[in-house]
C-alpha atoms as a PDB file:
ATOM      1  CA  LEU A   1      37.932  -8.527 -18.198  1.00  0.00           C
ATOM      2  CA  VAL A   2      37.700 -12.254 -18.861  1.00  0.00           C
ATOM      3  CA  GLU A   3      35.071 -14.239 -17.277  1.00  0.00           C
ATOM      4  CA  VAL A   4      35.693 -18.058 -17.253  1.00  0.00           C
ATOM      5  CA  GLY A   5      32.725 -20.276 -16.894  1.00  0.00           C
ATOM      6  CA  GLY A   6      30.090 -21.961 -18.890  1.00  0.00           C
ATOM      7  CA  GLU A   7      26.490 -22.671 -19.582  1.00  0.00           C
ATOM      8  CA  TRP A   8      26.543 -25.357 -16.927  1.00  0.00           C
ATOM      9  CA  CYS A   9      27.618 -22.717 -14.125  1.00  0.00           C
ATOM     10  CA  ILE A  10      24.781 -21.511 -12.150  1.00  0.00           C
ATOM     11  CA  TRP A  11      26.929 -18.698 -10.636  1.00  0.00           C
ATOM     12  CA  CYS A  12      27.738 -17.590 -14.041  1.00  0.00           C
ATOM     13  CA  HIS A  13      23.945 -17.116 -14.640  1.00  0.00           C
ATOM     14  CA  TYR A  14      23.626 -15.325 -11.255  1.00  0.00           C
ATOM     15  CA  MET A  15      26.408 -12.949 -12.407  1.00  0.00           C
ATOM     16  CA  ASP A  16      24.501 -12.228 -15.730  1.00  0.00           C
ATOM     17  CA  LYS A  17      21.327 -11.653 -13.674  1.00  0.00           C
ATOM     18  CA  PHE A  18      23.267  -9.371 -11.241  1.00  0.00           C
ATOM     19  CA  PHE A  19      24.315  -7.062 -14.180  1.00  0.00           C
ATOM     20  CA  GLU A  20      20.757  -7.289 -15.706  1.00  0.00           C
ATOM     21  CA  GLU A  21      19.230  -6.104 -12.500  1.00  0.00           C
ATOM     22  CA  HIS A  22      21.818  -3.468 -11.692  1.00  0.00           C
ATOM     23  CA  PRO A  23      22.258  -1.276 -14.820  1.00  0.00           C
ATOM     24  CA  ASP A  24      24.621   1.007 -12.901  1.00  0.00           C
ATOM     25  CA  MET A  25      27.047  -1.780 -12.280  1.00  0.00           C
ATOM     26  CA  LEU A  26      26.685  -2.885 -15.956  1.00  0.00           C
ATOM     27  CA  ALA A  27      27.481   0.794 -16.945  1.00  0.00           C
ATOM     28  CA  LEU A  28      30.574   0.887 -14.552  1.00  0.00           C
ATOM     29  CA  ARG A  29      31.739  -2.527 -15.973  1.00  0.00           C
ATOM     30  CA  ASP A  30      31.234  -1.497 -19.582  1.00  0.00           C
ATOM     31  CA  LYS A  31      32.804   1.901 -19.094  1.00  0.00           C
ATOM     32  CA  ASN A  32      36.013   0.499 -17.861  1.00  0.00           C
ATOM     33  CA  PHE A  33      36.325  -2.996 -19.253  1.00  0.00           C
ATOM     34  CA  VAL A  34      35.868  -5.013 -22.474  1.00  0.00           C
ATOM     35  CA  MET A  35      34.093  -8.048 -21.334  1.00  0.00           C
ATOM     36  CA  VAL A  36      35.004 -11.541 -22.767  1.00  0.00           C
ATOM     37  CA  LYS A  37      33.491 -14.768 -21.683  1.00  0.00           C
ATOM     38  CA  VAL A  38      35.543 -17.907 -22.149  1.00  0.00           C
ATOM     39  CA  ASN A  39      33.886 -21.306 -22.015  1.00  0.00           C
ATOM     40  CA  PHE A  40      35.275 -23.899 -19.722  1.00  0.00           C
ATOM     41  CA  SER A  41      33.480 -27.325 -20.033  1.00  0.00           C
ATOM     42  CA  ASP A  42      34.169 -31.078 -20.260  1.00  0.00           C
ATOM     43  CA  GLU A  43      33.616 -30.602 -24.110  1.00  0.00           C
ATOM     44  CA  ASN A  44      35.763 -27.525 -24.430  1.00  0.00           C
ATOM     45  CA  LYS A  45      38.347 -26.683 -21.712  1.00  0.00           C
ATOM     46  CA  ASN A  46      40.023 -23.954 -23.740  1.00  0.00           C
ATOM     47  CA  GLU A  47      43.357 -25.174 -22.508  1.00  0.00           C
ATOM     48  CA  ALA A  48      45.344 -23.266 -25.093  1.00  0.00           C
ATOM     49  CA  LEU A  49      43.976 -19.943 -23.867  1.00  0.00           C
ATOM     50  CA  LEU A  50      43.573 -20.687 -20.126  1.00  0.00           C
ATOM     51  CA  SER A  51      47.142 -22.205 -19.762  1.00  0.00           C
ATOM     52  CA  SER A  52      48.237 -18.580 -19.873  1.00  0.00           C
ATOM     53  CA  TYR A  53      46.477 -17.771 -16.561  1.00  0.00           C
ATOM     54  CA  PRO A  54      46.676 -19.165 -13.094  1.00  0.00           C
ATOM     55  CA  LYS A  55      44.634 -22.255 -12.408  1.00  0.00           C
ATOM     56  CA  VAL A  56      41.221 -21.442 -10.930  1.00  0.00           C
ATOM     57  CA  ALA A  57      39.518 -23.271  -7.991  1.00  0.00           C
ATOM     58  CA  GLY A  58      35.915 -22.239  -8.942  1.00  0.00           C
ATOM     59  CA  TYR A  59      33.699 -20.738 -11.511  1.00  0.00           C
ATOM     60  CA  PRO A  60      32.984 -18.179 -12.655  1.00  0.00           C
ATOM     61  CA  HIS A  61      36.366 -16.670 -12.375  1.00  0.00           C
ATOM     62  CA  LEU A  62      37.515 -13.229 -13.497  1.00  0.00           C
ATOM     63  CA  PHE A  63      40.827 -12.286 -14.884  1.00  0.00           C
ATOM     64  CA  VAL A  64      41.655  -8.610 -15.262  1.00  0.00           C
ATOM     65  CA  LEU A  65      43.996  -7.753 -18.141  1.00  0.00           C
ATOM     66  CA  ASP A  66      45.618  -4.479 -19.058  1.00  0.00           C
ATOM     67  CA  LYS A  67      45.110  -3.049 -22.444  1.00  0.00           C
ATOM     68  CA  ASN A  68      47.983  -5.100 -23.748  1.00  0.00           C
ATOM     69  CA  GLY A  69      46.554  -8.309 -22.505  1.00  0.00           C
ATOM     70  CA  LYS A  70      48.753  -8.714 -19.515  1.00  0.00           C
ATOM     71  CA  LEU A  71      47.275 -10.277 -16.446  1.00  0.00           C
ATOM     72  CA  ILE A  72      47.040  -7.715 -13.661  1.00  0.00           C
ATOM     73  CA  HIS A  73      44.643  -9.414 -11.327  1.00  0.00           C
ATOM     74  CA  SER A  74      42.888 -12.788 -10.893  1.00  0.00           C
ATOM     75  CA  GLN A  75      39.533 -12.661  -9.015  1.00  0.00           C
ATOM     76  CA  ASP A  76      37.782 -15.457  -7.144  1.00  0.00           C
ATOM     77  CA  THR A  77      34.244 -14.457  -7.516  1.00  0.00           C
ATOM     78  CA  GLY A  78      33.284 -16.309  -4.316  1.00  0.00           C
ATOM     79  CA  LYS A  79      34.559 -13.394  -2.476  1.00  0.00           C
ATOM     80  CA  LEU A  80      31.974 -11.178  -4.244  1.00  0.00           C
ATOM     81  CA  GLU A  81      29.001 -13.418  -3.429  1.00  0.00           C
ATOM     82  CA  GLU A  82      26.105 -12.725  -1.123  1.00  0.00           C
ATOM     83  CA  GLY A  83      23.327 -15.390  -0.667  1.00  0.00           C
ATOM     84  CA  ARG A  84      22.329 -16.540  -4.109  1.00  0.00           C
ATOM     85  CA  GLY A  85      23.797 -13.564  -5.959  1.00  0.00           C
ATOM     86  CA  TYR A  86      26.467 -10.974  -5.651  1.00  0.00           C
ATOM     87  CA  ASN A  87      27.068  -8.207  -3.185  1.00  0.00           C
ATOM     88  CA  ILE A  88      26.667  -4.812  -4.926  1.00  0.00           C
ATOM     89  CA  GLU A  89      29.244  -3.020  -2.793  1.00  0.00           C
ATOM     90  CA  LYS A  90      31.970  -5.760  -3.130  1.00  0.00           C
ATOM     91  CA  PHE A  91      31.350  -5.883  -6.918  1.00  0.00           C
ATOM     92  CA  LYS A  92      31.437  -2.174  -7.228  1.00  0.00           C
ATOM     93  CA  THR A  93      34.801  -2.171  -5.234  1.00  0.00           C
ATOM     94  CA  PHE A  94      36.143  -4.730  -7.468  1.00  0.00           C
ATOM     95  CA  LEU A  95      35.178  -2.865 -10.685  1.00  0.00           C
ATOM     96  CA  THR A  96      36.356   0.410  -9.393  1.00  0.00           C
ATOM     97  CA  ASP A  97      39.625  -0.849  -8.086  1.00  0.00           C
ATOM     98  CA  TRP A  98      40.598  -2.802 -11.240  1.00  0.00           C
ATOM     99  CA  ALA A  99      39.266  -0.345 -13.691  1.00  0.00           C
ATOM    100  CA  THR A 100      41.413  -0.682 -16.964  1.00  0.00           C
ATOM    101  CA  ALA A 101      41.214   2.877 -18.168  1.00  0.00           C
ATOM    102  CA  ALA A 102      44.792   4.004 -18.983  1.00  0.00           C
ATOM    103  CA  SER A 103      44.965   6.507 -16.277  1.00  0.00           C
ATOM    104  CA  ASP A 104      43.895   3.919 -13.620  1.00  0.00           C
ATOM    105  CA  VAL A 105      46.420   1.262 -14.745  1.00  0.00           C
ATOM    106  CA  ALA A 106      49.200   3.720 -14.689  1.00  0.00           C
ATOM    107  CA  GLN A 107      48.312   4.448 -10.949  1.00  0.00           C
ATOM    108  CA  LYS A 108      48.667   0.847  -9.928  1.00  0.00           C
END
């Protein structure tokens, strides 16, 4: 699971806080994904890496990769938002639907 954002991104901080405040969501994420954060900023656009993925409209953005690094889903996190945070049911559905355990990927 690749999160693209940066220290400047308030919604990236909201996502960190969401996982801190919902240990069950953190456990679900960590059970099914390896989380990698990729910085995108004026100083470091990580163009070499990010050119491999679709262009994103907003940050943070999530890319779901299979165990071989192949992109299987691009997620606009705005669709997971609620108020000044994230909707627990929407995020749970996202994490469950895109779990990268070998048996889950084989079913998709």
